[in-house]
């Protein structure tokens, strides 16, 4: 189940990046991509409790 959830999250991420790329200028997409990818990876890190 966790693998399916991770795959769904990755697919949604790719769809969002494609949508932003098609609907924004290049000067906006490149910094947005790096910041958003870094934030996504930080969000997906396993938490230690």
C-alpha atoms as a PDB file:
ATOM      1  CA  UNK A   1       0.000   0.000   0.000  1.00  0.00           C
ATOM      2  CA  UNK A   2       2.842   2.417   0.793  1.00  0.00           C
ATOM      3  CA  UNK A   3       4.428   1.697  -2.591  1.00  0.00           C
ATOM      4  CA  UNK A   4       1.156   2.494  -4.358  1.00  0.00           C
ATOM      5  CA  UNK A   5       0.815   5.733  -2.405  1.00  0.00           C
ATOM      6  CA  UNK A   6       4.400   6.726  -3.237  1.00  0.00           C
ATOM      7  CA  UNK A   7       3.845   5.959  -6.922  1.00  0.00           C
ATOM      8  CA  UNK A   8       0.643   8.007  -6.965  1.00  0.00           C
ATOM      9  CA  UNK A   9       2.435  10.902  -5.299  1.00  0.00           C
ATOM     10  CA  UNK A  10       5.252  10.754  -7.852  1.00  0.00           C
ATOM     11  CA  UNK A  11       2.796  10.694 -10.766  1.00  0.00           C
ATOM     12  CA  UNK A  12       0.952  13.713  -9.346  1.00  0.00           C
ATOM     13  CA  UNK A  13       4.320  15.476  -8.952  1.00  0.00           C
ATOM     14  CA  UNK A  14       5.235  14.822 -12.591  1.00  0.00           C
ATOM     15  CA  UNK A  15       1.816  15.991 -13.822  1.00  0.00           C
ATOM     16  CA  UNK A  16       2.154  19.190 -11.764  1.00  0.00           C
ATOM     17  CA  UNK A  17       5.661  19.881 -13.130  1.00  0.00           C
ATOM     18  CA  UNK A  18       4.489  19.325 -16.735  1.00  0.00           C
ATOM     19  CA  UNK A  19       1.489  21.614 -16.190  1.00  0.00           C
ATOM     20  CA  UNK A  20       3.633  24.373 -14.649  1.00  0.00           C
ATOM     21  CA  UNK A  21       6.222  24.016 -17.429  1.00  0.00           C
ATOM     22  CA  UNK A  22       3.592  24.411 -20.172  1.00  0.00           C
ATOM     23  CA  UNK A  23       1.849  27.365 -18.502  1.00  0.00           C
ATOM     24  CA  UNK A  24       4.759  29.475 -17.246  1.00  0.00           C
ATOM     25  CA  UNK A  25       7.756  31.278 -18.746  1.00  0.00           C
ATOM     26  CA  UNK A  26      11.193  29.648 -18.566  1.00  0.00           C
ATOM     27  CA  UNK A  27      12.569  32.219 -16.117  1.00  0.00           C
ATOM     28  CA  UNK A  28       9.884  31.182 -13.621  1.00  0.00           C
ATOM     29  CA  UNK A  29       9.936  27.420 -14.149  1.00  0.00           C
ATOM     30  CA  UNK A  30      13.629  26.743 -13.498  1.00  0.00           C
ATOM     31  CA  UNK A  31      13.825  28.271  -9.984  1.00  0.00           C
ATOM     32  CA  UNK A  32      10.347  26.927  -9.171  1.00  0.00           C
ATOM     33  CA  UNK A  33      11.406  23.419 -10.208  1.00  0.00           C
ATOM     34  CA  UNK A  34      14.491  23.415  -7.972  1.00  0.00           C
ATOM     35  CA  UNK A  35      12.710  24.888  -4.946  1.00  0.00           C
ATOM     36  CA  UNK A  36       9.657  22.665  -5.337  1.00  0.00           C
ATOM     37  CA  UNK A  37      11.747  19.522  -5.873  1.00  0.00           C
ATOM     38  CA  UNK A  38      13.820  20.243  -2.768  1.00  0.00           C
ATOM     39  CA  UNK A  39      10.636  20.810  -0.769  1.00  0.00           C
ATOM     40  CA  UNK A  40       9.053  17.626  -2.131  1.00  0.00           C
ATOM     41  CA  UNK A  41      12.097  15.542  -1.200  1.00  0.00           C
ATOM     42  CA  UNK A  42      12.149  17.044   2.311  1.00  0.00           C
ATOM     43  CA  UNK A  43       8.440  16.253   2.667  1.00  0.00           C
ATOM     44  CA  UNK A  44       8.935  12.638   1.542  1.00  0.00           C
ATOM     45  CA  UNK A  45      11.789  11.913   3.984  1.00  0.00           C
ATOM     46  CA  UNK A  46      10.825   9.387   6.656  1.00  0.00           C
ATOM     47  CA  UNK A  47      10.300  10.966  10.060  1.00  0.00           C
ATOM     48  CA  UNK A  48      12.027   9.573  13.133  1.00  0.00           C
ATOM     49  CA  UNK A  49       9.875   9.801  16.248  1.00  0.00           C
END
